[in-house]
mmCIF file of all heavy atoms, coordinates in Angstrom:
data_MODEL
# 
_entry.id   MODEL 
# 
loop_
_atom_site.group_PDB 
_atom_site.id 
_atom_site.type_symbol 
_atom_site.label_atom_id 
_atom_site.label_alt_id 
_atom_site.label_comp_id 
_atom_site.label_asym_id 
_atom_site.label_entity_id 
_atom_site.label_seq_id 
_atom_site.pdbx_PDB_ins_code 
_atom_site.Cartn_x 
_atom_site.Cartn_y 
_atom_site.Cartn_z 
_atom_site.occupancy 
_atom_site.B_iso_or_equiv 
_atom_site.pdbx_formal_charge 
_atom_site.auth_seq_id 
_atom_site.auth_comp_id 
_atom_site.auth_asym_id 
_atom_site.auth_atom_id 
_atom_site.pdbx_PDB_model_num 
ATOM 1   N N   . ARG A 1 1  ? -1.464 -9.142 25.780  1.00 0.00 ? 1  ARG A N   1 
ATOM 2   C CA  . ARG A 1 1  ? -2.550 -8.424 25.093  1.00 0.00 ? 1  ARG A CA  1 
ATOM 3   C C   . ARG A 1 1  ? -2.548 -6.940 25.456  1.00 0.00 ? 1  ARG A C   1 
ATOM 4   O O   . ARG A 1 1  ? -2.778 -6.088 24.611  1.00 0.00 ? 1  ARG A O   1 
ATOM 5   C CB  . ARG A 1 1  ? -3.899 -9.061 25.454  1.00 0.00 ? 1  ARG A CB  1 
ATOM 6   C CG  . ARG A 1 1  ? -5.076 -8.399 24.807  1.00 0.00 ? 1  ARG A CG  1 
ATOM 7   C CD  . ARG A 1 1  ? -5.080 -8.676 23.301  1.00 0.00 ? 1  ARG A CD  1 
ATOM 8   N NE  . ARG A 1 1  ? -6.126 -7.876 22.692  1.00 0.00 ? 1  ARG A NE  1 
ATOM 9   C CZ  . ARG A 1 1  ? -5.957 -7.099 21.636  1.00 0.00 ? 1  ARG A CZ  1 
ATOM 10  N NH1 . ARG A 1 1  ? -4.787 -7.027 21.065  1.00 0.00 ? 1  ARG A NH1 1 
ATOM 11  N NH2 . ARG A 1 1  ? -6.952 -6.408 21.155  1.00 0.00 ? 1  ARG A NH2 1 
ATOM 12  N N   . THR A 1 2  ? -2.262 -6.640 26.708  1.00 0.00 ? 2  THR A N   1 
ATOM 13  C CA  . THR A 1 2  ? -2.186 -5.240 27.138  1.00 0.00 ? 2  THR A CA  1 
ATOM 14  C C   . THR A 1 2  ? -1.062 -4.527 26.389  1.00 0.00 ? 2  THR A C   1 
ATOM 15  O O   . THR A 1 2  ? -1.232 -3.404 25.914  1.00 0.00 ? 2  THR A O   1 
ATOM 16  C CB  . THR A 1 2  ? -1.950 -5.149 28.654  1.00 0.00 ? 2  THR A CB  1 
ATOM 17  O OG1 . THR A 1 2  ? -3.056 -5.754 29.323  1.00 0.00 ? 2  THR A OG1 1 
ATOM 18  C CG2 . THR A 1 2  ? -1.795 -3.714 29.108  1.00 0.00 ? 2  THR A CG2 1 
ATOM 19  N N   . VAL A 1 3  ? 0.071  -5.197 26.249  1.00 0.00 ? 3  VAL A N   1 
ATOM 20  C CA  . VAL A 1 3  ? 1.200  -4.609 25.519  1.00 0.00 ? 3  VAL A CA  1 
ATOM 21  C C   . VAL A 1 3  ? 0.793  -4.344 24.078  1.00 0.00 ? 3  VAL A C   1 
ATOM 22  O O   . VAL A 1 3  ? 1.010  -3.247 23.549  1.00 0.00 ? 3  VAL A O   1 
ATOM 23  C CB  . VAL A 1 3  ? 2.436  -5.538 25.573  1.00 0.00 ? 3  VAL A CB  1 
ATOM 24  C CG1 . VAL A 1 3  ? 3.526  -5.042 24.634  1.00 0.00 ? 3  VAL A CG1 1 
ATOM 25  C CG2 . VAL A 1 3  ? 2.948  -5.654 26.992  1.00 0.00 ? 3  VAL A CG2 1 
ATOM 26  N N   . LEU A 1 4  ? 0.185  -5.323 23.436  1.00 0.00 ? 4  LEU A N   1 
ATOM 27  C CA  . LEU A 1 4  ? -0.228 -5.159 22.038  1.00 0.00 ? 4  LEU A CA  1 
ATOM 28  C C   . LEU A 1 4  ? -1.217 -4.007 21.884  1.00 0.00 ? 4  LEU A C   1 
ATOM 29  O O   . LEU A 1 4  ? -1.116 -3.206 20.960  1.00 0.00 ? 4  LEU A O   1 
ATOM 30  C CB  . LEU A 1 4  ? -0.834 -6.456 21.503  1.00 0.00 ? 4  LEU A CB  1 
ATOM 31  C CG  . LEU A 1 4  ? 0.139  -7.620 21.345  1.00 0.00 ? 4  LEU A CG  1 
ATOM 32  C CD1 . LEU A 1 4  ? -0.614 -8.884 20.953  1.00 0.00 ? 4  LEU A CD1 1 
ATOM 33  C CD2 . LEU A 1 4  ? 1.211  -7.287 20.332  1.00 0.00 ? 4  LEU A CD2 1 
ATOM 34  N N   . ARG A 1 5  ? -2.160 -3.945 22.781  1.00 0.00 ? 5  ARG A N   1 
ATOM 35  C CA  . ARG A 1 5  ? -3.182 -2.902 22.710  1.00 0.00 ? 5  ARG A CA  1 
ATOM 36  C C   . ARG A 1 5  ? -2.571 -1.517 22.901  1.00 0.00 ? 5  ARG A C   1 
ATOM 37  O O   . ARG A 1 5  ? -2.973 -0.549 22.269  1.00 0.00 ? 5  ARG A O   1 
ATOM 38  C CB  . ARG A 1 5  ? -4.269 -3.179 23.752  1.00 0.00 ? 5  ARG A CB  1 
ATOM 39  C CG  . ARG A 1 5  ? -5.496 -2.322 23.597  1.00 0.00 ? 5  ARG A CG  1 
ATOM 40  C CD  . ARG A 1 5  ? -6.630 -2.734 24.533  1.00 0.00 ? 5  ARG A CD  1 
ATOM 41  N NE  . ARG A 1 5  ? -6.219 -2.747 25.928  1.00 0.00 ? 5  ARG A NE  1 
ATOM 42  C CZ  . ARG A 1 5  ? -6.132 -3.841 26.687  1.00 0.00 ? 5  ARG A CZ  1 
ATOM 43  N NH1 . ARG A 1 5  ? -6.435 -5.013 26.201  1.00 0.00 ? 5  ARG A NH1 1 
ATOM 44  N NH2 . ARG A 1 5  ? -5.745 -3.765 27.941  1.00 0.00 ? 5  ARG A NH2 1 
ATOM 45  N N   . MET A 1 6  ? -1.573 -1.408 23.764  1.00 0.00 ? 6  MET A N   1 
ATOM 46  C CA  . MET A 1 6  ? -0.988 -0.106 24.074  1.00 0.00 ? 6  MET A CA  1 
ATOM 47  C C   . MET A 1 6  ? -0.007 0.391  23.020  1.00 0.00 ? 6  MET A C   1 
ATOM 48  O O   . MET A 1 6  ? 0.095  1.592  22.788  1.00 0.00 ? 6  MET A O   1 
ATOM 49  C CB  . MET A 1 6  ? -0.286 -0.163 25.430  1.00 0.00 ? 6  MET A CB  1 
ATOM 50  C CG  . MET A 1 6  ? -1.252 -0.337 26.591  1.00 0.00 ? 6  MET A CG  1 
ATOM 51  S SD  . MET A 1 6  ? -0.417 -0.453 28.161  1.00 0.00 ? 6  MET A SD  1 
ATOM 52  C CE  . MET A 1 6  ? 0.089  1.239  28.381  1.00 0.00 ? 6  MET A CE  1 
ATOM 53  N N   . ILE A 1 7  ? 0.721  -0.505 22.373  1.00 0.00 ? 7  ILE A N   1 
ATOM 54  C CA  . ILE A 1 7  ? 1.780  -0.034 21.483  1.00 0.00 ? 7  ILE A CA  1 
ATOM 55  C C   . ILE A 1 7  ? 1.556  -0.341 20.003  1.00 0.00 ? 7  ILE A C   1 
ATOM 56  O O   . ILE A 1 7  ? 2.341  0.099  19.179  1.00 0.00 ? 7  ILE A O   1 
ATOM 57  C CB  . ILE A 1 7  ? 3.160  -0.584 21.909  1.00 0.00 ? 7  ILE A CB  1 
ATOM 58  C CG1 . ILE A 1 7  ? 3.220  -2.089 21.755  1.00 0.00 ? 7  ILE A CG1 1 
ATOM 59  C CG2 . ILE A 1 7  ? 3.503  -0.138 23.296  1.00 0.00 ? 7  ILE A CG2 1 
ATOM 60  C CD1 . ILE A 1 7  ? 4.589  -2.667 21.998  1.00 0.00 ? 7  ILE A CD1 1 
ATOM 61  N N   . ALA A 1 8  ? 0.492  -1.039 19.694  1.00 0.00 ? 8  ALA A N   1 
ATOM 62  C CA  . ALA A 1 8  ? 0.251  -1.365 18.283  1.00 0.00 ? 8  ALA A CA  1 
ATOM 63  C C   . ALA A 1 8  ? -0.082 -0.106 17.498  1.00 0.00 ? 8  ALA A C   1 
ATOM 64  O O   . ALA A 1 8  ? -0.756 0.796  17.990  1.00 0.00 ? 8  ALA A O   1 
ATOM 65  C CB  . ALA A 1 8  ? -0.899 -2.368 18.173  1.00 0.00 ? 8  ALA A CB  1 
ATOM 66  N N   . GLU A 1 9  ? 0.421  -0.067 16.254  1.00 0.00 ? 9  GLU A N   1 
ATOM 67  C CA  . GLU A 1 9  ? 0.079  1.079  15.422  1.00 0.00 ? 9  GLU A CA  1 
ATOM 68  C C   . GLU A 1 9  ? -1.348 0.921  14.910  1.00 0.00 ? 9  GLU A C   1 
ATOM 69  O O   . GLU A 1 9  ? -1.864 -0.191 14.801  1.00 0.00 ? 9  GLU A O   1 
ATOM 70  C CB  . GLU A 1 9  ? 1.064  1.235  14.271  1.00 0.00 ? 9  GLU A CB  1 
ATOM 71  C CG  . GLU A 1 9  ? 1.057  0.122  13.254  1.00 0.00 ? 9  GLU A CG  1 
ATOM 72  C CD  . GLU A 1 9  ? 2.158  0.297  12.219  1.00 0.00 ? 9  GLU A CD  1 
ATOM 73  O OE1 . GLU A 1 9  ? 2.599  1.430  11.985  1.00 0.00 ? 9  GLU A OE1 1 
ATOM 74  O OE2 . GLU A 1 9  ? 2.566  -0.707 11.652  1.00 0.00 ? 9  GLU A OE2 1 
ATOM 75  N N   . GLU A 1 10 ? -1.976 2.028  14.607  1.00 0.00 ? 10 GLU A N   1 
ATOM 76  C CA  . GLU A 1 10 ? -3.351 1.985  14.133  1.00 0.00 ? 10 GLU A CA  1 
ATOM 77  C C   . GLU A 1 10 ? -3.413 1.263  12.785  1.00 0.00 ? 10 GLU A C   1 
ATOM 78  O O   . GLU A 1 10 ? -2.489 1.366  11.983  1.00 0.00 ? 10 GLU A O   1 
ATOM 79  C CB  . GLU A 1 10 ? -3.893 3.400  13.964  1.00 0.00 ? 10 GLU A CB  1 
ATOM 80  C CG  . GLU A 1 10 ? -4.056 4.134  15.267  1.00 0.00 ? 10 GLU A CG  1 
ATOM 81  C CD  . GLU A 1 10 ? -4.594 5.535  15.060  1.00 0.00 ? 10 GLU A CD  1 
ATOM 82  O OE1 . GLU A 1 10 ? -5.391 5.743  14.116  1.00 0.00 ? 10 GLU A OE1 1 
ATOM 83  O OE2 . GLU A 1 10 ? -4.201 6.415  15.833  1.00 0.00 ? 10 GLU A OE2 1 
ATOM 84  N N   . ARG A 1 11 ? -4.508 0.571  12.549  1.00 0.00 ? 11 ARG A N   1 
ATOM 85  C CA  . ARG A 1 11 ? -4.654 -0.220 11.337  1.00 0.00 ? 11 ARG A CA  1 
ATOM 86  C C   . ARG A 1 11 ? -4.525 0.648  10.086  1.00 0.00 ? 11 ARG A C   1 
ATOM 87  O O   . ARG A 1 11 ? -3.884 0.263  9.119   1.00 0.00 ? 11 ARG A O   1 
ATOM 88  C CB  . ARG A 1 11 ? -6.021 -0.933 11.353  1.00 0.00 ? 11 ARG A CB  1 
ATOM 89  C CG  . ARG A 1 11 ? -6.245 -1.859 10.195  1.00 0.00 ? 11 ARG A CG  1 
ATOM 90  C CD  . ARG A 1 11 ? -5.375 -3.067 10.327  1.00 0.00 ? 11 ARG A CD  1 
ATOM 91  N NE  . ARG A 1 11 ? -5.560 -3.929 9.177   1.00 0.00 ? 11 ARG A NE  1 
ATOM 92  C CZ  . ARG A 1 11 ? -4.905 -5.047 9.022   1.00 0.00 ? 11 ARG A CZ  1 
ATOM 93  N NH1 . ARG A 1 11 ? -4.050 -5.442 9.932   1.00 0.00 ? 11 ARG A NH1 1 
ATOM 94  N NH2 . ARG A 1 11 ? -5.099 -5.779 7.966   1.00 0.00 ? 11 ARG A NH2 1 
ATOM 95  N N   . ALA A 1 12 ? -5.123 1.823  10.108  1.00 0.00 ? 12 ALA A N   1 
ATOM 96  C CA  . ALA A 1 12 ? -5.073 2.712  8.948   1.00 0.00 ? 12 ALA A CA  1 
ATOM 97  C C   . ALA A 1 12 ? -3.633 3.115  8.632   1.00 0.00 ? 12 ALA A C   1 
ATOM 98  O O   . ALA A 1 12 ? -3.247 3.195  7.463   1.00 0.00 ? 12 ALA A O   1 
ATOM 99  C CB  . ALA A 1 12 ? -5.922 3.952  9.196   1.00 0.00 ? 12 ALA A CB  1 
ATOM 100 N N   . ILE A 1 13 ? -2.840 3.347  9.662   1.00 0.00 ? 13 ILE A N   1 
ATOM 101 C CA  . ILE A 1 13 ? -1.439 3.712  9.451   1.00 0.00 ? 13 ILE A CA  1 
ATOM 102 C C   . ILE A 1 13 ? -0.670 2.529  8.871   1.00 0.00 ? 13 ILE A C   1 
ATOM 103 O O   . ILE A 1 13 ? 0.118  2.683  7.934   1.00 0.00 ? 13 ILE A O   1 
ATOM 104 C CB  . ILE A 1 13 ? -0.798 4.196  10.771  1.00 0.00 ? 13 ILE A CB  1 
ATOM 105 C CG1 . ILE A 1 13 ? -1.450 5.499  11.211  1.00 0.00 ? 13 ILE A CG1 1 
ATOM 106 C CG2 . ILE A 1 13 ? 0.709  4.353  10.636  1.00 0.00 ? 13 ILE A CG2 1 
ATOM 107 C CD1 . ILE A 1 13 ? -1.054 5.953  12.606  1.00 0.00 ? 13 ILE A CD1 1 
ATOM 108 N N   . TYR A 1 14 ? -0.907 1.337  9.414   1.00 0.00 ? 14 TYR A N   1 
ATOM 109 C CA  . TYR A 1 14 ? -0.264 0.131  8.895   1.00 0.00 ? 14 TYR A CA  1 
ATOM 110 C C   . TYR A 1 14 ? -0.622 -0.079 7.430   1.00 0.00 ? 14 TYR A C   1 
ATOM 111 O O   . TYR A 1 14 ? 0.248  -0.331 6.594   1.00 0.00 ? 14 TYR A O   1 
ATOM 112 C CB  . TYR A 1 14 ? -0.666 -1.098 9.715   1.00 0.00 ? 14 TYR A CB  1 
ATOM 113 C CG  . TYR A 1 14 ? -0.296 -2.384 9.044   1.00 0.00 ? 14 TYR A CG  1 
ATOM 114 C CD1 . TYR A 1 14 ? 1.010  -2.838 9.063   1.00 0.00 ? 14 TYR A CD1 1 
ATOM 115 C CD2 . TYR A 1 14 ? -1.247 -3.121 8.338   1.00 0.00 ? 14 TYR A CD2 1 
ATOM 116 C CE1 . TYR A 1 14 ? 1.373  -4.007 8.417   1.00 0.00 ? 14 TYR A CE1 1 
ATOM 117 C CE2 . TYR A 1 14 ? -0.902 -4.283 7.691   1.00 0.00 ? 14 TYR A CE2 1 
ATOM 118 C CZ  . TYR A 1 14 ? 0.415  -4.728 7.732   1.00 0.00 ? 14 TYR A CZ  1 
ATOM 119 O OH  . TYR A 1 14 ? 0.760  -5.872 7.070   1.00 0.00 ? 14 TYR A OH  1 
ATOM 120 N N   . GLU A 1 15 ? -1.916 0.037  7.103   1.00 0.00 ? 15 GLU A N   1 
ATOM 121 C CA  . GLU A 1 15 ? -2.346 -0.179 5.727   1.00 0.00 ? 15 GLU A CA  1 
ATOM 122 C C   . GLU A 1 15 ? -1.773 0.871  4.787   1.00 0.00 ? 15 GLU A C   1 
ATOM 123 O O   . GLU A 1 15 ? -1.397 0.566  3.662   1.00 0.00 ? 15 GLU A O   1 
ATOM 124 C CB  . GLU A 1 15 ? -3.870 -0.207 5.648   1.00 0.00 ? 15 GLU A CB  1 
ATOM 125 C CG  . GLU A 1 15 ? -4.451 -1.460 6.272   1.00 0.00 ? 15 GLU A CG  1 
ATOM 126 C CD  . GLU A 1 15 ? -5.963 -1.459 6.352   1.00 0.00 ? 15 GLU A CD  1 
ATOM 127 O OE1 . GLU A 1 15 ? -6.580 -0.383 6.144   1.00 0.00 ? 15 GLU A OE1 1 
ATOM 128 O OE2 . GLU A 1 15 ? -6.532 -2.521 6.627   1.00 0.00 ? 15 GLU A OE2 1 
ATOM 129 N N   . SER A 1 16 ? -1.678 2.098  5.249   1.00 0.00 ? 16 SER A N   1 
ATOM 130 C CA  . SER A 1 16 ? -1.088 3.170  4.449   1.00 0.00 ? 16 SER A CA  1 
ATOM 131 C C   . SER A 1 16 ? 0.384  2.877  4.169   1.00 0.00 ? 16 SER A C   1 
ATOM 132 O O   . SER A 1 16 ? 0.860  3.030  3.039   1.00 0.00 ? 16 SER A O   1 
ATOM 133 C CB  . SER A 1 16 ? -1.236 4.499  5.175   1.00 0.00 ? 16 SER A CB  1 
ATOM 134 O OG  . SER A 1 16 ? -0.534 5.502  4.497   1.00 0.00 ? 16 SER A OG  1 
ATOM 135 N N   . ARG A 1 17 ? 1.107  2.448  5.203   1.00 0.00 ? 17 ARG A N   1 
ATOM 136 C CA  . ARG A 1 17 ? 2.522  2.111  5.043   1.00 0.00 ? 17 ARG A CA  1 
ATOM 137 C C   . ARG A 1 17 ? 2.695  0.927  4.093   1.00 0.00 ? 17 ARG A C   1 
ATOM 138 O O   . ARG A 1 17 ? 3.589  0.912  3.245   1.00 0.00 ? 17 ARG A O   1 
ATOM 139 C CB  . ARG A 1 17 ? 3.122  1.797  6.419   1.00 0.00 ? 17 ARG A CB  1 
ATOM 140 C CG  . ARG A 1 17 ? 4.615  1.654  6.434   1.00 0.00 ? 17 ARG A CG  1 
ATOM 141 C CD  . ARG A 1 17 ? 5.177  1.615  7.852   1.00 0.00 ? 17 ARG A CD  1 
ATOM 142 N NE  . ARG A 1 17 ? 4.463  0.765  8.781   1.00 0.00 ? 17 ARG A NE  1 
ATOM 143 C CZ  . ARG A 1 17 ? 4.645  -0.543 8.902   1.00 0.00 ? 17 ARG A CZ  1 
ATOM 144 N NH1 . ARG A 1 17 ? 5.524  -1.149 8.159   1.00 0.00 ? 17 ARG A NH1 1 
ATOM 145 N NH2 . ARG A 1 17 ? 3.952  -1.230 9.787   1.00 0.00 ? 17 ARG A NH2 1 
ATOM 146 N N   . SER A 1 18 ? 1.796  -0.035 4.186   1.00 0.00 ? 18 SER A N   1 
ATOM 147 C CA  . SER A 1 18 ? 1.844  -1.201 3.319   1.00 0.00 ? 18 SER A CA  1 
ATOM 148 C C   . SER A 1 18 ? 1.588  -0.812 1.858   1.00 0.00 ? 18 SER A C   1 
ATOM 149 O O   . SER A 1 18 ? 2.282  -1.271 0.948   1.00 0.00 ? 18 SER A O   1 
ATOM 150 C CB  . SER A 1 18 ? 0.816  -2.236 3.775   1.00 0.00 ? 18 SER A CB  1 
ATOM 151 O OG  . SER A 1 18 ? 0.848  -3.360 2.944   1.00 0.00 ? 18 SER A OG  1 
ATOM 152 N N   . ARG A 1 19 ? 0.583  0.053  1.633   1.00 0.00 ? 19 ARG A N   1 
ATOM 153 C CA  . ARG A 1 19 ? 0.305  0.519  0.269   1.00 0.00 ? 19 ARG A CA  1 
ATOM 154 C C   . ARG A 1 19 ? 1.480  1.294  -0.306  1.00 0.00 ? 19 ARG A C   1 
ATOM 155 O O   . ARG A 1 19 ? 1.842  1.125  -1.463  1.00 0.00 ? 19 ARG A O   1 
ATOM 156 C CB  . ARG A 1 19 ? -0.946 1.404  0.247   1.00 0.00 ? 19 ARG A CB  1 
ATOM 157 C CG  . ARG A 1 19 ? -2.248 0.642  0.115   1.00 0.00 ? 19 ARG A CG  1 
ATOM 158 C CD  . ARG A 1 19 ? -3.404 1.581  -0.152  1.00 0.00 ? 19 ARG A CD  1 
ATOM 159 N NE  . ARG A 1 19 ? -3.566 2.602  0.878   1.00 0.00 ? 19 ARG A NE  1 
ATOM 160 C CZ  . ARG A 1 19 ? -4.197 2.433  2.027   1.00 0.00 ? 19 ARG A CZ  1 
ATOM 161 N NH1 . ARG A 1 19 ? -4.745 1.266  2.311   1.00 0.00 ? 19 ARG A NH1 1 
ATOM 162 N NH2 . ARG A 1 19 ? -4.293 3.423  2.905   1.00 0.00 ? 19 ARG A NH2 1 
ATOM 163 N N   . GLN A 1 20 ? 2.076  2.129  0.535   1.00 0.00 ? 20 GLN A N   1 
ATOM 164 C CA  . GLN A 1 20 ? 3.224  2.921  0.087   1.00 0.00 ? 20 GLN A CA  1 
ATOM 165 C C   . GLN A 1 20 ? 4.381  1.997  -0.300  1.00 0.00 ? 20 GLN A C   1 
ATOM 166 O O   . GLN A 1 20 ? 5.030  2.206  -1.328  1.00 0.00 ? 20 GLN A O   1 
ATOM 167 C CB  . GLN A 1 20 ? 3.661  3.883  1.186   1.00 0.00 ? 20 GLN A CB  1 
ATOM 168 C CG  . GLN A 1 20 ? 4.801  4.782  0.777   1.00 0.00 ? 20 GLN A CG  1 
ATOM 169 C CD  . GLN A 1 20 ? 5.196  5.743  1.888   1.00 0.00 ? 20 GLN A CD  1 
ATOM 170 O OE1 . GLN A 1 20 ? 4.769  5.592  3.032   1.00 0.00 ? 20 GLN A OE1 1 
ATOM 171 N NE2 . GLN A 1 20 ? 6.010  6.711  1.552   1.00 0.00 ? 20 GLN A NE2 1 
ATOM 172 N N   . ARG A 1 21 ? 4.633  0.974  0.501   1.00 0.00 ? 21 ARG A N   1 
ATOM 173 C CA  . ARG A 1 21 ? 5.705  0.032  0.188   1.00 0.00 ? 21 ARG A CA  1 
ATOM 174 C C   . ARG A 1 21 ? 5.389  -0.723 -1.103  1.00 0.00 ? 21 ARG A C   1 
ATOM 175 O O   . ARG A 1 21 ? 6.261  -0.918 -1.940  1.00 0.00 ? 21 ARG A O   1 
ATOM 176 C CB  . ARG A 1 21 ? 5.908  -0.946 1.348   1.00 0.00 ? 21 ARG A CB  1 
ATOM 177 C CG  . ARG A 1 21 ? 7.089  -1.875 1.099   1.00 0.00 ? 21 ARG A CG  1 
ATOM 178 C CD  . ARG A 1 21 ? 7.450  -2.722 2.288   1.00 0.00 ? 21 ARG A CD  1 
ATOM 179 N NE  . ARG A 1 21 ? 6.273  -3.323 2.878   1.00 0.00 ? 21 ARG A NE  1 
ATOM 180 C CZ  . ARG A 1 21 ? 6.145  -3.572 4.182   1.00 0.00 ? 21 ARG A CZ  1 
ATOM 181 N NH1 . ARG A 1 21 ? 7.102  -3.253 5.006   1.00 0.00 ? 21 ARG A NH1 1 
ATOM 182 N NH2 . ARG A 1 21 ? 5.050  -4.141 4.641   1.00 0.00 ? 21 ARG A NH2 1 
ATOM 183 N N   . ARG A 1 22 ? 4.124  -1.119 -1.294  1.00 0.00 ? 22 ARG A N   1 
ATOM 184 C CA  . ARG A 1 22 ? 3.752  -1.803 -2.531  1.00 0.00 ? 22 ARG A CA  1 
ATOM 185 C C   . ARG A 1 22 ? 3.980  -0.895 -3.726  1.00 0.00 ? 22 ARG A C   1 
ATOM 186 O O   . ARG A 1 22 ? 4.516  -1.318 -4.748  1.00 0.00 ? 22 ARG A O   1 
ATOM 187 C CB  . ARG A 1 22 ? 2.294  -2.254 -2.507  1.00 0.00 ? 22 ARG A CB  1 
ATOM 188 C CG  . ARG A 1 22 ? 1.942  -3.065 -3.768  1.00 0.00 ? 22 ARG A CG  1 
ATOM 189 C CD  . ARG A 1 22 ? 0.484  -3.336 -3.912  1.00 0.00 ? 22 ARG A CD  1 
ATOM 190 N NE  . ARG A 1 22 ? -0.208 -2.075 -4.162  1.00 0.00 ? 22 ARG A NE  1 
ATOM 191 C CZ  . ARG A 1 22 ? -1.522 -1.950 -4.204  1.00 0.00 ? 22 ARG A CZ  1 
ATOM 192 N NH1 . ARG A 1 22 ? -2.290 -2.992 -3.954  1.00 0.00 ? 22 ARG A NH1 1 
ATOM 193 N NH2 . ARG A 1 22 ? -2.073 -0.805 -4.448  1.00 0.00 ? 22 ARG A NH2 1 
ATOM 194 N N   . ASP A 1 23 ? 3.618  0.382  -3.600  1.00 0.00 ? 23 ASP A N   1 
ATOM 195 C CA  . ASP A 1 23 ? 3.821  1.324  -4.696  1.00 0.00 ? 23 ASP A CA  1 
ATOM 196 C C   . ASP A 1 23 ? 5.309  1.494  -5.009  1.00 0.00 ? 23 ASP A C   1 
ATOM 197 O O   . ASP A 1 23 ? 5.695  1.596  -6.174  1.00 0.00 ? 23 ASP A O   1 
ATOM 198 C CB  . ASP A 1 23 ? 3.188  2.672  -4.363  1.00 0.00 ? 23 ASP A CB  1 
ATOM 199 C CG  . ASP A 1 23 ? 1.666  2.606  -4.315  1.00 0.00 ? 23 ASP A CG  1 
ATOM 200 O OD1 . ASP A 1 23 ? 1.083  1.616  -4.827  1.00 0.00 ? 23 ASP A OD1 1 
ATOM 201 O OD2 . ASP A 1 23 ? 1.050  3.546  -3.761  1.00 0.00 ? 23 ASP A OD2 1 
ATOM 202 N N   . GLU A 1 24 ? 6.152  1.510  -3.962  1.00 0.00 ? 24 GLU A N   1 
ATOM 203 C CA  . GLU A 1 24 ? 7.592  1.596  -4.180  1.00 0.00 ? 24 GLU A CA  1 
ATOM 204 C C   . GLU A 1 24 ? 8.102  0.356  -4.905  1.00 0.00 ? 24 GLU A C   1 
ATOM 205 O O   . GLU A 1 24 ? 8.930  0.465  -5.816  1.00 0.00 ? 24 GLU A O   1 
ATOM 206 C CB  . GLU A 1 24 ? 8.330  1.726  -2.846  1.00 0.00 ? 24 GLU A CB  1 
ATOM 207 C CG  . GLU A 1 24 ? 8.192  3.053  -2.160  1.00 0.00 ? 24 GLU A CG  1 
ATOM 208 C CD  . GLU A 1 24 ? 8.910  3.066  -0.827  1.00 0.00 ? 24 GLU A CD  1 
ATOM 209 O OE1 . GLU A 1 24 ? 8.314  2.618  0.166   1.00 0.00 ? 24 GLU A OE1 1 
ATOM 210 O OE2 . GLU A 1 24 ? 10.067 3.529  -0.805  1.00 0.00 ? 24 GLU A OE2 1 
ATOM 211 N N   . ILE A 1 25 ? 7.610  -0.809 -4.497  1.00 0.00 ? 25 ILE A N   1 
ATOM 212 C CA  . ILE A 1 25 ? 8.006  -2.063 -5.141  1.00 0.00 ? 25 ILE A CA  1 
ATOM 213 C C   . ILE A 1 25 ? 7.616  -2.044 -6.610  1.00 0.00 ? 25 ILE A C   1 
ATOM 214 O O   . ILE A 1 25 ? 8.422  -2.377 -7.486  1.00 0.00 ? 25 ILE A O   1 
ATOM 215 C CB  . ILE A 1 25 ? 7.380  -3.278 -4.406  1.00 0.00 ? 25 ILE A CB  1 
ATOM 216 C CG1 . ILE A 1 25 ? 8.056  -3.463 -3.046  1.00 0.00 ? 25 ILE A CG1 1 
ATOM 217 C CG2 . ILE A 1 25 ? 7.486  -4.547 -5.244  1.00 0.00 ? 25 ILE A CG2 1 
ATOM 218 C CD1 . ILE A 1 25 ? 7.360  -4.455 -2.132  1.00 0.00 ? 25 ILE A CD1 1 
ATOM 219 N N   . VAL A 1 26 ? 6.392  -1.626 -6.907  1.00 0.00 ? 26 VAL A N   1 
ATOM 220 C CA  . VAL A 1 26 ? 5.922  -1.572 -8.288  1.00 0.00 ? 26 VAL A CA  1 
ATOM 221 C C   . VAL A 1 26 ? 6.771  -0.595 -9.100  1.00 0.00 ? 26 VAL A C   1 
ATOM 222 O O   . VAL A 1 26 ? 7.180  -0.887 -10.226 1.00 0.00 ? 26 VAL A O   1 
ATOM 223 C CB  . VAL A 1 26 ? 4.419  -1.189 -8.349  1.00 0.00 ? 26 VAL A CB  1 
ATOM 224 C CG1 . VAL A 1 26 ? 3.997  -0.838 -9.758  1.00 0.00 ? 26 VAL A CG1 1 
ATOM 225 C CG2 . VAL A 1 26 ? 3.567  -2.328 -7.791  1.00 0.00 ? 26 VAL A CG2 1 
ATOM 226 N N   . GLU A 1 27 ? 7.062  0.562  -8.537  1.00 0.00 ? 27 GLU A N   1 
ATOM 227 C CA  . GLU A 1 27 ? 7.865  1.565  -9.242  1.00 0.00 ? 27 GLU A CA  1 
ATOM 228 C C   . GLU A 1 27 ? 9.260  1.032  -9.564  1.00 0.00 ? 27 GLU A C   1 
ATOM 229 O O   . GLU A 1 27 ? 9.755  1.196  -10.678 1.00 0.00 ? 27 GLU A O   1 
ATOM 230 C CB  . GLU A 1 27 ? 7.962  2.853  -8.419  1.00 0.00 ? 27 GLU A CB  1 
ATOM 231 C CG  . GLU A 1 27 ? 8.755  3.937  -9.080  1.00 0.00 ? 27 GLU A CG  1 
ATOM 232 C CD  . GLU A 1 27 ? 8.183  4.406  -10.404 1.00 0.00 ? 27 GLU A CD  1 
ATOM 233 O OE1 . GLU A 1 27 ? 6.953  4.306  -10.612 1.00 0.00 ? 27 GLU A OE1 1 
ATOM 234 O OE2 . GLU A 1 27 ? 8.977  4.865  -11.254 1.00 0.00 ? 27 GLU A OE2 1 
ATOM 235 N N   . LEU A 1 28 ? 9.901  0.401  -8.606  1.00 0.00 ? 28 LEU A N   1 
ATOM 236 C CA  . LEU A 1 28 ? 11.228 -0.164 -8.852  1.00 0.00 ? 28 LEU A CA  1 
ATOM 237 C C   . LEU A 1 28 ? 11.169 -1.283 -9.882  1.00 0.00 ? 28 LEU A C   1 
ATOM 238 O O   . LEU A 1 28 ? 12.067 -1.428 -10.718 1.00 0.00 ? 28 LEU A O   1 
ATOM 239 C CB  . LEU A 1 28 ? 11.851 -0.653 -7.539  1.00 0.00 ? 28 LEU A CB  1 
ATOM 240 C CG  . LEU A 1 28 ? 12.220 0.453  -6.552  1.00 0.00 ? 28 LEU A CG  1 
ATOM 241 C CD1 . LEU A 1 28 ? 12.642 -0.147 -5.206  1.00 0.00 ? 28 LEU A CD1 1 
ATOM 242 C CD2 . LEU A 1 28 ? 13.312 1.349  -7.106  1.00 0.00 ? 28 LEU A CD2 1 
# 
């Protein structure tokens, strides 16, 4: 849990990356 807490990316960054990937998928 300490490892996860220290190195996990922020939720907003993860969601942004996920949206960007979805947009790329839709575009292709």
